[in-house]
Amino acid sequence: MRRGGMSGRDIAIVAVVLILGIGGVACFGFFQEETGAYFRLEGWNLSAVKGVTKQFVEAAAKNDSAGVEKFVQDGTQDLEFIREGGKLTAIKIPAYGGPVAKSLTQLAPSAEGQISDPKMITLNGGQVTVKVKYPSGETLDLSWDKKPAGWKVVSITLTGTGG
């Protein structure tokens, strides 16, 4: 039996554990933004985003301003609400040549749009994007963010030509 000190095997084990620990901390630090976004956006369960997208599209197609408003974050860099008589009637969205106002029914000409699977983007704090393709040929791109009050649309673009 040895007294005091550690054997060469014990020193090797401690060295390996230290190297793995330091490597793990460095790796987490390097991927901190992506890891944080994954957990904040609940990346393991993006099916909820598809559900709120369906609710948003149905509300916009019915011209239900209260229904749309609960899913859109007003005052973001990309979106601006347009109201008439205190009621949300349109949203100013980014477009080529400058922002344009789109009525709710222009954003969702039909509740029958084909909703894509959500895709998570972990850069810049993270967002989840969903595309809605309408029978008219238009595509609505929604970027969602998880806020304390639930999922909110933070960016909208509309592309394609209506028929």
Foldseek 3Di string as FASTA:
>chain_A
DDDDDDDPVVVVVVVVVVVVVVVVVVVCVVCVLLVQLCVQCVVVDQVVVVVLVLQLLVCLLVLNQVSNVLAADAPFPAWHFDDDPNGGFWIFGADVPGTDTDGSCRLRVDSPWDKDRWDWDRPPNIWIWIWTADPQGKIKIFTWGQDPSGIHTRHIDIDGDGD
